Amino acid sequence: MIRRIGLLIVLLANLPTVTPAFAYSWQEQAEVLRGLEGVYVVVGRLKPEIERDGLYGSMLQDDAEFMLRTAGVKVLSEEEWLLAPGTPYLYLNVDAFKYSDGYVYKIRLCLVEKVHPVRKPTVIEATTLSMRDDLGITPSLSAIREETRDLLDKFIGVWRAANPKPAQRLPDQPVTVPK
């Protein structure tokens, strides 16, 4: 039993990371999302054994796009994305390993954009917001899919905090313009 736990710890510690974190936070980094109208969604490739067991990248892509659209975040087509300021994309990576009792997984969700470093006049691609990685062990792939949705919900919550809807006005209310 101790050997199995040790193996799982080693596996979790060695799961590959996708991009370096530029800003890592929840509500404190909502400012990074202020004014973000849309994103292109990229889902990392899943291991073949995970897809054989029934969790597909296309399922995760559909889930992410549906949740974002429902929340009011525009999901950009590839053409729109290439023209968008900073070419922002939401990167979802699910890294899972099968073992005798189920699956060990790590879920990463981050916003990647082109940025302009102050000290060097160039454009680079950097992670501007990285949600907390989700690590776990589960007997079923459906739990991994649900954890992915939960992480997307957290991203949407931060996006909503940064981009509140304007107050609804009643039809007989005059529109006031701030001075």
N, C-alpha and C. Protein backbone atom coordinates (compact mmCIF):
# COMPACT_ATOMS: atom_id res chain seq x y z
N MET A 1 0.82 -1.20 0.00
CA MET A 1 0.00 0.00 0.00
C MET A 1 0.87 1.27 0.00
N ILE A 2 1.90 1.30 0.86
CA ILE A 2 2.78 2.46 0.92
C ILE A 2 3.51 2.62 -0.40
N ARG A 3 3.90 1.51 -1.00
CA ARG A 3 4.58 1.57 -2.29
C ARG A 3 3.67 2.17 -3.36
N ARG A 4 2.39 1.80 -3.34
CA ARG A 4 1.42 2.32 -4.31
C ARG A 4 1.24 3.82 -4.14
N ILE A 5 1.13 4.28 -2.89
CA ILE A 5 0.98 5.71 -2.63
C ILE A 5 2.23 6.46 -3.09
N GLY A 6 3.41 5.88 -2.81
CA GLY A 6 4.65 6.50 -3.25
C GLY A 6 4.71 6.61 -4.76
N LEU A 7 4.27 5.57 -5.46
CA LEU A 7 4.24 5.60 -6.93
C LEU A 7 3.31 6.70 -7.43
N LEU A 8 2.15 6.83 -6.81
CA LEU A 8 1.20 7.87 -7.22
C LEU A 8 1.77 9.26 -6.99
N ILE A 9 2.46 9.45 -5.89
CA ILE A 9 3.07 10.76 -5.62
C ILE A 9 4.12 11.08 -6.67
N VAL A 10 4.94 10.09 -7.02
CA VAL A 10 5.96 10.30 -8.06
C VAL A 10 5.29 10.61 -9.39
N LEU A 11 4.23 9.89 -9.73
CA LEU A 11 3.52 10.15 -10.99
C LEU A 11 2.95 11.56 -11.02
N LEU A 12 2.30 11.97 -9.93
CA LEU A 12 1.71 13.30 -9.90
C LEU A 12 2.77 14.38 -9.97
N ALA A 13 3.89 14.16 -9.33
CA ALA A 13 4.96 15.17 -9.34
C ALA A 13 5.60 15.31 -10.71
N ASN A 14 5.53 14.26 -11.51
CA ASN A 14 6.19 14.29 -12.81
C ASN A 14 5.25 14.50 -13.99
N LEU A 15 3.99 14.81 -13.72
CA LEU A 15 3.09 15.11 -14.83
C LEU A 15 3.60 16.35 -15.54
N PRO A 16 3.63 16.34 -16.87
CA PRO A 16 4.20 17.49 -17.57
C PRO A 16 3.35 18.74 -17.40
N THR A 17 4.02 19.87 -17.33
CA THR A 17 3.32 21.14 -17.30
C THR A 17 3.37 21.73 -18.70
N VAL A 18 2.39 22.57 -19.00
CA VAL A 18 2.24 23.06 -20.36
C VAL A 18 2.91 24.40 -20.59
N THR A 19 2.64 25.36 -19.74
CA THR A 19 3.20 26.69 -19.93
C THR A 19 3.58 27.27 -18.58
N PRO A 20 4.55 28.18 -18.54
CA PRO A 20 4.89 28.82 -17.28
C PRO A 20 3.79 29.79 -16.87
N ALA A 21 3.58 29.91 -15.58
CA ALA A 21 2.53 30.81 -15.10
C ALA A 21 3.06 32.23 -15.02
N PHE A 22 2.36 33.15 -15.61
CA PHE A 22 2.70 34.58 -15.57
C PHE A 22 1.95 35.21 -14.40
N ALA A 23 0.69 34.88 -14.27
CA ALA A 23 -0.10 35.36 -13.15
C ALA A 23 -0.94 34.19 -12.66
N TYR A 24 -0.84 33.86 -11.40
CA TYR A 24 -1.53 32.71 -10.85
C TYR A 24 -2.45 33.18 -9.75
N SER A 25 -3.76 33.07 -9.95
CA SER A 25 -4.65 33.56 -8.93
C SER A 25 -6.10 33.27 -9.26
N TRP A 26 -6.96 33.74 -8.35
CA TRP A 26 -8.40 33.66 -8.56
C TRP A 26 -8.93 35.08 -8.69
N GLN A 27 -9.59 35.54 -7.66
CA GLN A 27 -10.22 36.85 -7.73
C GLN A 27 -9.21 37.98 -7.85
N GLU A 28 -8.03 37.84 -7.24
CA GLU A 28 -7.04 38.92 -7.30
C GLU A 28 -6.62 39.20 -8.73
N GLN A 29 -6.68 38.20 -9.59
CA GLN A 29 -6.24 38.38 -10.97
C GLN A 29 -7.40 38.58 -11.94
N ALA A 30 -8.57 38.87 -11.41
CA ALA A 30 -9.71 39.12 -12.29
C ALA A 30 -9.41 40.26 -13.26
N GLU A 31 -8.54 41.17 -12.84
CA GLU A 31 -8.17 42.30 -13.70
C GLU A 31 -7.60 41.83 -15.03
N VAL A 32 -6.91 40.70 -15.03
CA VAL A 32 -6.34 40.13 -16.26
C VAL A 32 -7.46 39.83 -17.26
N LEU A 33 -8.64 39.48 -16.76
CA LEU A 33 -9.76 39.11 -17.63
C LEU A 33 -10.67 40.28 -17.99
N ARG A 34 -10.45 41.43 -17.37
CA ARG A 34 -11.31 42.59 -17.64
C ARG A 34 -11.21 42.97 -19.11
N GLY A 35 -12.37 43.08 -19.75
CA GLY A 35 -12.42 43.45 -21.16
C GLY A 35 -12.23 42.29 -22.12
N LEU A 36 -11.95 41.10 -21.61
CA LEU A 36 -11.80 39.92 -22.47
C LEU A 36 -13.19 39.51 -22.97
N GLU A 37 -13.41 39.68 -24.26
CA GLU A 37 -14.72 39.39 -24.82
C GLU A 37 -14.84 37.96 -25.32
N GLY A 38 -13.72 37.39 -25.76
CA GLY A 38 -13.80 36.05 -26.30
C GLY A 38 -12.47 35.35 -26.27
N VAL A 39 -12.53 34.04 -26.42
CA VAL A 39 -11.33 33.20 -26.44
C VAL A 39 -11.49 32.09 -27.47
N TYR A 40 -10.38 31.64 -27.95
CA TYR A 40 -10.32 30.43 -28.76
C TYR A 40 -10.06 29.31 -27.76
N VAL A 41 -10.65 28.16 -27.94
CA VAL A 41 -10.49 27.06 -26.99
C VAL A 41 -9.59 25.99 -27.60
N VAL A 42 -8.55 25.62 -26.84
CA VAL A 42 -7.62 24.58 -27.26
C VAL A 42 -7.60 23.51 -26.17
N VAL A 43 -7.84 22.27 -26.57
CA VAL A 43 -7.79 21.16 -25.62
C VAL A 43 -6.58 20.31 -25.98
N GLY A 44 -5.74 20.06 -24.98
CA GLY A 44 -4.55 19.24 -25.19
C GLY A 44 -4.94 17.81 -25.53
N ARG A 45 -4.04 17.15 -26.21
CA ARG A 45 -4.29 15.78 -26.65
C ARG A 45 -4.30 14.82 -25.46
N LEU A 46 -5.29 13.95 -25.43
CA LEU A 46 -5.39 12.95 -24.37
C LEU A 46 -4.60 11.70 -24.77
N LYS A 47 -4.18 10.97 -23.77
CA LYS A 47 -3.48 9.71 -24.04
C LYS A 47 -4.44 8.72 -24.71
N PRO A 48 -3.93 7.92 -25.66
CA PRO A 48 -4.80 6.97 -26.37
C PRO A 48 -5.58 6.03 -25.45
N GLU A 49 -4.96 5.57 -24.35
CA GLU A 49 -5.67 4.65 -23.45
C GLU A 49 -6.83 5.33 -22.75
N ILE A 50 -6.73 6.63 -22.53
CA ILE A 50 -7.83 7.37 -21.90
C ILE A 50 -8.97 7.50 -22.89
N GLU A 51 -8.65 7.79 -24.15
CA GLU A 51 -9.71 7.85 -25.17
C GLU A 51 -10.33 6.48 -25.40
N ARG A 52 -9.53 5.43 -25.36
CA ARG A 52 -10.09 4.07 -25.52
C ARG A 52 -11.07 3.76 -24.40
N ASP A 53 -10.82 4.32 -23.22
CA ASP A 53 -11.70 4.08 -22.09
C ASP A 53 -12.94 4.99 -22.10
N GLY A 54 -12.99 5.98 -23.01
CA GLY A 54 -14.22 6.75 -23.18
C GLY A 54 -14.18 8.24 -22.90
N LEU A 55 -13.02 8.81 -22.58
CA LEU A 55 -12.95 10.27 -22.42
C LEU A 55 -12.22 10.83 -23.62
N TYR A 56 -12.91 11.66 -24.39
CA TYR A 56 -12.37 12.18 -25.65
C TYR A 56 -12.13 13.69 -25.56
N GLY A 57 -11.11 14.14 -26.24
CA GLY A 57 -10.83 15.56 -26.31
C GLY A 57 -11.99 16.35 -26.88
N SER A 58 -12.69 15.77 -27.84
CA SER A 58 -13.84 16.45 -28.45
C SER A 58 -14.96 16.68 -27.43
N MET A 59 -15.11 15.74 -26.48
CA MET A 59 -16.11 15.93 -25.42
C MET A 59 -15.74 17.12 -24.54
N LEU A 60 -14.46 17.20 -24.18
CA LEU A 60 -14.00 18.30 -23.34
C LEU A 60 -14.10 19.62 -24.08
N GLN A 61 -13.79 19.62 -25.38
CA GLN A 61 -13.90 20.82 -26.21
C GLN A 61 -15.36 21.29 -26.25
N ASP A 62 -16.27 20.37 -26.51
CA ASP A 62 -17.69 20.72 -26.56
C ASP A 62 -18.18 21.26 -25.22
N ASP A 63 -17.77 20.60 -24.13
CA ASP A 63 -18.17 21.06 -22.79
C ASP A 63 -17.68 22.49 -22.55
N ALA A 64 -16.40 22.73 -22.83
CA ALA A 64 -15.81 24.05 -22.59
C ALA A 64 -16.51 25.12 -23.42
N GLU A 65 -16.68 24.86 -24.71
CA GLU A 65 -17.31 25.85 -25.58
C GLU A 65 -18.74 26.13 -25.17
N PHE A 66 -19.49 25.09 -24.82
CA PHE A 66 -20.88 25.27 -24.39
C PHE A 66 -20.95 26.10 -23.12
N MET A 67 -20.11 25.77 -22.14
CA MET A 67 -20.14 26.50 -20.87
C MET A 67 -19.75 27.96 -21.05
N LEU A 68 -18.74 28.22 -21.86
CA LEU A 68 -18.31 29.59 -22.10
C LEU A 68 -19.41 30.39 -22.81
N ARG A 69 -19.98 29.82 -23.85
CA ARG A 69 -21.06 30.53 -24.58
C ARG A 69 -22.24 30.82 -23.66
N THR A 70 -22.62 29.82 -22.86
CA THR A 70 -23.74 29.99 -21.95
C THR A 70 -23.48 31.11 -20.95
N ALA A 71 -22.22 31.28 -20.56
CA ALA A 71 -21.84 32.33 -19.60
C ALA A 71 -21.69 33.69 -20.25
N GLY A 72 -21.72 33.76 -21.58
CA GLY A 72 -21.58 35.04 -22.26
C GLY A 72 -20.18 35.32 -22.79
N VAL A 73 -19.29 34.35 -22.68
CA VAL A 73 -17.94 34.51 -23.23
C VAL A 73 -17.99 34.05 -24.68
N LYS A 74 -17.59 34.91 -25.58
CA LYS A 74 -17.61 34.54 -27.00
C LYS A 74 -16.52 33.51 -27.27
N VAL A 75 -16.89 32.44 -27.94
CA VAL A 75 -15.91 31.43 -28.36
C VAL A 75 -15.51 31.79 -29.78
N LEU A 76 -14.24 32.13 -29.94
CA LEU A 76 -13.74 32.63 -31.22
C LEU A 76 -13.45 31.48 -32.19
N SER A 77 -13.77 31.71 -33.45
CA SER A 77 -13.34 30.79 -34.50
C SER A 77 -11.85 31.02 -34.71
N GLU A 78 -11.20 30.16 -35.45
CA GLU A 78 -9.76 30.34 -35.68
C GLU A 78 -9.48 31.66 -36.38
N GLU A 79 -10.34 32.04 -37.33
CA GLU A 79 -10.15 33.30 -38.06
C GLU A 79 -10.32 34.49 -37.12
N GLU A 80 -11.35 34.46 -36.28
CA GLU A 80 -11.58 35.55 -35.32
C GLU A 80 -10.43 35.63 -34.31
N TRP A 81 -9.96 34.48 -33.88
CA TRP A 81 -8.88 34.41 -32.90
C TRP A 81 -7.61 35.06 -33.43
N LEU A 82 -7.27 34.80 -34.69
CA LEU A 82 -6.06 35.36 -35.27
C LEU A 82 -6.13 36.88 -35.37
N LEU A 83 -7.33 37.43 -35.43
CA LEU A 83 -7.52 38.88 -35.53
C LEU A 83 -7.74 39.56 -34.17
N ALA A 84 -8.01 38.77 -33.14
CA ALA A 84 -8.32 39.33 -31.82
C ALA A 84 -7.07 39.92 -31.17
N PRO A 85 -7.21 41.04 -30.45
CA PRO A 85 -6.06 41.62 -29.75
C PRO A 85 -5.46 40.63 -28.76
N GLY A 86 -4.18 40.34 -28.92
CA GLY A 86 -3.49 39.41 -28.04
C GLY A 86 -3.69 37.94 -28.38
N THR A 87 -4.51 37.66 -29.37
CA THR A 87 -4.87 36.28 -29.75
C THR A 87 -5.04 35.36 -28.53
N PRO A 88 -6.03 35.68 -27.67
CA PRO A 88 -6.21 34.90 -26.44
C PRO A 88 -6.80 33.52 -26.70
N TYR A 89 -6.23 32.54 -26.02
CA TYR A 89 -6.85 31.22 -26.07
C TYR A 89 -6.85 30.59 -24.69
N LEU A 90 -7.89 29.82 -24.45
CA LEU A 90 -8.05 29.10 -23.20
C LEU A 90 -7.54 27.69 -23.45
N TYR A 91 -6.50 27.31 -22.71
CA TYR A 91 -5.88 26.01 -22.91
C TYR A 91 -6.30 25.08 -21.78
N LEU A 92 -6.89 23.95 -22.17
CA LEU A 92 -7.34 22.94 -21.21
C LEU A 92 -6.53 21.68 -21.46
N ASN A 93 -5.84 21.23 -20.44
CA ASN A 93 -5.04 20.02 -20.57
C ASN A 93 -5.43 19.03 -19.48
N VAL A 94 -5.80 17.83 -19.88
CA VAL A 94 -6.11 16.77 -18.95
C VAL A 94 -5.07 15.68 -19.16
N ASP A 95 -4.25 15.47 -18.13
CA ASP A 95 -3.22 14.45 -18.18
C ASP A 95 -3.64 13.36 -17.21
N ALA A 96 -3.92 12.18 -17.72
CA ALA A 96 -4.41 11.10 -16.87
C ALA A 96 -3.64 9.82 -17.15
N PHE A 97 -3.45 9.05 -16.09
CA PHE A 97 -2.81 7.74 -16.17
C PHE A 97 -3.77 6.71 -15.61
N LYS A 98 -3.85 5.57 -16.26
CA LYS A 98 -4.68 4.48 -15.78
C LYS A 98 -3.82 3.62 -14.84
N TYR A 99 -4.40 3.22 -13.73
CA TYR A 99 -3.74 2.26 -12.85
C TYR A 99 -4.80 1.26 -12.41
N SER A 100 -4.42 0.27 -11.64
CA SER A 100 -5.31 -0.86 -11.34
C SER A 100 -6.64 -0.47 -10.71
N ASP A 101 -6.68 0.59 -9.91
CA ASP A 101 -7.92 0.98 -9.24
C ASP A 101 -8.63 2.16 -9.88
N GLY A 102 -8.16 2.64 -11.01
CA GLY A 102 -8.81 3.77 -11.66
C GLY A 102 -7.84 4.65 -12.39
N TYR A 103 -7.90 5.96 -12.10
CA TYR A 103 -7.11 6.94 -12.84
C TYR A 103 -6.50 7.97 -11.89
N VAL A 104 -5.29 8.36 -12.22
CA VAL A 104 -4.63 9.49 -11.57
C VAL A 104 -4.65 10.60 -12.60
N TYR A 105 -5.03 11.81 -12.20
CA TYR A 105 -5.16 12.87 -13.20
C TYR A 105 -4.67 14.22 -12.69
N LYS A 106 -4.37 15.06 -13.66
CA LYS A 106 -4.02 16.47 -13.41
C LYS A 106 -4.74 17.27 -14.49
N ILE A 107 -5.48 18.27 -14.07
CA ILE A 107 -6.19 19.13 -15.02
C ILE A 107 -5.61 20.53 -14.90
N ARG A 108 -5.26 21.11 -16.04
CA ARG A 108 -4.72 22.47 -16.07
C ARG A 108 -5.60 23.31 -17.00
N LEU A 109 -5.94 24.50 -16.54
CA LEU A 109 -6.72 25.44 -17.33
C LEU A 109 -6.03 26.78 -17.24
N CYS A 110 -5.66 27.35 -18.39
CA CYS A 110 -5.00 28.65 -18.37
C CYS A 110 -5.35 29.47 -19.60
N LEU A 111 -5.26 30.77 -19.42
CA LEU A 111 -5.45 31.72 -20.51
C LEU A 111 -4.08 32.11 -21.03
N VAL A 112 -3.87 31.96 -22.32
CA VAL A 112 -2.60 32.29 -22.94
C VAL A 112 -2.84 33.43 -23.93
N GLU A 113 -1.98 34.45 -23.88
CA GLU A 113 -2.10 35.61 -24.77
C GLU A 113 -0.72 36.08 -25.19
N LYS A 114 -0.69 36.87 -26.23
CA LYS A 114 0.55 37.55 -26.60
C LYS A 114 0.68 38.77 -25.71
N VAL A 115 1.88 38.96 -25.18
CA VAL A 115 2.13 40.09 -24.28
C VAL A 115 3.38 40.83 -24.74
N HIS A 116 3.52 42.05 -24.24
CA HIS A 116 4.67 42.90 -24.56
C HIS A 116 5.47 43.15 -23.29
N PRO A 117 6.60 42.47 -23.07
CA PRO A 117 7.39 42.71 -21.88
C PRO A 117 7.92 44.15 -21.86
N VAL A 118 7.93 44.75 -20.70
CA VAL A 118 8.38 46.13 -20.56
C VAL A 118 9.87 46.26 -20.85
N ARG A 119 10.66 45.30 -20.38
CA ARG A 119 12.12 45.43 -20.49
C ARG A 119 12.66 45.08 -21.86
N LYS A 120 11.85 44.47 -22.73
CA LYS A 120 12.33 44.08 -24.05
C LYS A 120 11.21 44.31 -25.06
N PRO A 121 11.43 45.16 -26.06
CA PRO A 121 10.37 45.48 -27.03
C PRO A 121 10.14 44.33 -28.01
N THR A 122 9.38 43.35 -27.58
CA THR A 122 9.05 42.21 -28.42
C THR A 122 7.69 41.68 -28.00
N VAL A 123 7.14 40.78 -28.76
CA VAL A 123 5.86 40.15 -28.43
C VAL A 123 6.14 38.68 -28.15
N ILE A 124 5.68 38.21 -26.99
CA ILE A 124 5.83 36.81 -26.65
C ILE A 124 4.48 36.24 -26.25
N GLU A 125 4.38 34.93 -26.26
CA GLU A 125 3.17 34.27 -25.81
C GLU A 125 3.40 33.85 -24.37
N ALA A 126 2.47 34.20 -23.50
CA ALA A 126 2.63 33.88 -22.08
C ALA A 126 1.28 33.53 -21.48
N THR A 127 1.33 32.74 -20.43
CA THR A 127 0.13 32.44 -19.67
C THR A 127 -0.16 33.66 -18.81
N THR A 128 -1.30 34.31 -19.05
CA THR A 128 -1.64 35.50 -18.28
C THR A 128 -2.54 35.17 -17.09
N LEU A 129 -3.18 34.00 -17.11
CA LEU A 129 -3.97 33.56 -15.97
C LEU A 129 -3.95 32.04 -15.95
N SER A 130 -3.58 31.47 -14.84
CA SER A 130 -3.56 30.02 -14.69
C SER A 130 -4.41 29.66 -13.49
N MET A 131 -5.45 28.90 -13.72
CA MET A 131 -6.29 28.45 -12.63
C MET A 131 -5.52 27.38 -11.87
N ARG A 132 -5.86 27.17 -10.63
CA ARG A 132 -5.21 26.15 -9.81
C ARG A 132 -5.33 24.80 -10.51
N ASP A 133 -4.20 24.09 -10.62
CA ASP A 133 -4.25 22.75 -11.20
C ASP A 133 -5.09 21.85 -10.30
N ASP A 134 -5.85 20.97 -10.92
CA ASP A 134 -6.67 20.03 -10.19
C ASP A 134 -6.00 18.67 -10.26
N LEU A 135 -5.64 18.10 -9.14
CA LEU A 135 -5.01 16.79 -9.07
C LEU A 135 -5.96 15.84 -8.37
N GLY A 136 -5.96 14.58 -8.81
CA GLY A 136 -6.83 13.65 -8.12
C GLY A 136 -6.64 12.21 -8.55
N ILE A 137 -7.35 11.37 -7.84
CA ILE A 137 -7.41 9.94 -8.12
C ILE A 137 -8.88 9.59 -8.14
N THR A 138 -9.31 8.86 -9.13
CA THR A 138 -10.73 8.52 -9.24
C THR A 138 -10.89 7.15 -9.91
N PRO A 139 -11.96 6.46 -9.59
CA PRO A 139 -12.19 5.19 -10.26
C PRO A 139 -12.83 5.34 -11.65
N SER A 140 -13.33 6.56 -11.98
CA SER A 140 -14.03 6.71 -13.26
C SER A 140 -13.62 7.95 -14.03
N LEU A 141 -13.69 7.85 -15.34
CA LEU A 141 -13.39 8.99 -16.20
C LEU A 141 -14.46 10.06 -16.12
N SER A 142 -15.68 9.68 -15.79
CA SER A 142 -16.75 10.68 -15.68
C SER A 142 -16.43 11.69 -14.57
N ALA A 143 -15.73 11.25 -13.54
CA ALA A 143 -15.34 12.17 -12.46
C ALA A 143 -14.31 13.18 -12.97
N ILE A 144 -13.43 12.74 -13.87
CA ILE A 144 -12.44 13.67 -14.44
C ILE A 144 -13.16 14.71 -15.29
N ARG A 145 -14.13 14.27 -16.06
CA ARG A 145 -14.90 15.22 -16.88
C ARG A 145 -15.62 16.22 -15.98
N GLU A 146 -16.19 15.75 -14.88
CA GLU A 146 -16.89 16.64 -13.96
C GLU A 146 -15.92 17.63 -13.30
N GLU A 147 -14.74 17.18 -12.94
CA GLU A 147 -13.73 18.09 -12.37
C GLU A 147 -13.31 19.15 -13.39
N THR A 148 -13.24 18.76 -14.64
CA THR A 148 -12.92 19.72 -15.71
C THR A 148 -14.00 20.78 -15.79
N ARG A 149 -15.23 20.37 -15.72
CA ARG A 149 -16.34 21.34 -15.75
C ARG A 149 -16.28 22.27 -14.53
N ASP A 150 -15.94 21.71 -13.38
CA ASP A 150 -15.83 22.55 -12.17
C ASP A 150 -14.75 23.61 -12.33
N LEU A 151 -13.62 23.23 -12.92
CA LEU A 151 -12.54 24.19 -13.13
C LEU A 151 -12.97 25.27 -14.13
N LEU A 152 -13.70 24.87 -15.17
CA LEU A 152 -14.23 25.85 -16.12
C LEU A 152 -15.22 26.79 -15.43
N ASP A 153 -16.04 26.25 -14.53
CA ASP A 153 -16.97 27.09 -13.77
C ASP A 153 -16.21 28.14 -12.96
N LYS A 154 -15.08 27.76 -12.38
CA LYS A 154 -14.28 28.71 -11.60
C LYS A 154 -13.72 29.80 -12.51
N PHE A 155 -13.24 29.43 -13.69
CA PHE A 155 -12.75 30.42 -14.64
C PHE A 155 -13.88 31.39 -15.01
N ILE A 156 -15.05 30.85 -15.30
CA ILE A 156 -16.19 31.67 -15.67
C ILE A 156 -16.56 32.62 -14.52
N GLY A 157 -16.47 32.14 -13.28
CA GLY A 157 -16.75 32.99 -12.13
C GLY A 157 -15.79 34.17 -12.05
N VAL A 158 -14.50 33.93 -12.29
CA VAL A 158 -13.52 35.01 -12.29
C VAL A 158 -13.79 35.96 -13.45
N TRP A 159 -14.12 35.42 -14.63
CA TRP A 159 -14.43 36.25 -15.79
C TRP A 159 -15.64 37.15 -15.49
N ARG A 160 -16.67 36.56 -14.88
CA ARG A 160 -17.87 37.35 -14.55
C ARG A 160 -17.55 38.45 -13.54
N ALA A 161 -16.69 38.15 -12.57
CA ALA A 161 -16.31 39.18 -11.59
C ALA A 161 -15.59 40.33 -12.28
N ALA A 162 -14.82 40.03 -13.30
CA ALA A 162 -14.07 41.06 -14.02
C ALA A 162 -14.91 41.79 -15.05
N ASN A 163 -15.97 41.17 -15.50
CA ASN A 163 -16.81 41.73 -16.58
C ASN A 163 -18.28 41.68 -16.19
N PRO A 164 -18.67 42.44 -15.16
CA PRO A 164 -20.08 42.41 -14.74
C PRO A 164 -20.98 42.98 -15.84
N LYS A 165 -22.16 42.41 -15.93
CA LYS A 165 -23.13 42.91 -16.91
C LYS A 165 -23.57 44.30 -16.48
N PRO A 166 -23.79 45.20 -17.46
CA PRO A 166 -24.32 46.52 -17.08
C PRO A 166 -25.71 46.35 -16.48
N ALA A 167 -26.05 47.21 -15.55
CA ALA A 167 -27.36 47.14 -14.91
C ALA A 167 -28.46 47.27 -15.94
N GLN A 168 -29.47 46.46 -15.80
CA GLN A 168 -30.63 46.52 -16.70
C GLN A 168 -31.45 47.76 -16.36
N ARG A 169 -31.84 48.50 -17.36
CA ARG A 169 -32.66 49.67 -17.09
C ARG A 169 -34.09 49.37 -17.51
N LEU A 170 -35.00 49.95 -16.78
CA LEU A 170 -36.42 49.79 -17.11
C LEU A 170 -36.73 50.64 -18.33
N PRO A 171 -37.73 50.26 -19.12
CA PRO A 171 -38.03 51.01 -20.35
C PRO A 171 -38.28 52.50 -20.13
N ASP A 172 -38.85 52.89 -19.00
CA ASP A 172 -39.13 54.32 -18.78
C ASP A 172 -37.99 55.04 -18.07
N GLN A 173 -36.87 54.36 -17.81
CA GLN A 173 -35.74 54.99 -17.16
C GLN A 173 -34.86 55.68 -18.19
N PRO A 174 -34.42 56.90 -17.90
CA PRO A 174 -33.49 57.55 -18.83
C PRO A 174 -32.10 56.92 -18.72
N VAL A 175 -31.38 56.95 -19.79
CA VAL A 175 -30.01 56.45 -19.80
C VAL A 175 -29.12 57.57 -19.27
N THR A 176 -28.33 57.26 -18.25
CA THR A 176 -27.42 58.26 -17.71
C THR A 176 -26.02 57.99 -18.21
N VAL A 177 -25.36 59.04 -18.61
CA VAL A 177 -24.00 58.91 -19.12
C VAL A 177 -23.06 59.41 -18.04
N PRO A 178 -22.05 58.60 -17.65
CA PRO A 178 -21.13 59.05 -16.62
C PRO A 178 -20.32 60.25 -17.09
N LYS A 179 -20.00 61.16 -16.15
CA LYS A 179 -19.25 62.37 -16.48
C LYS A 179 -17.78 62.12 -16.42
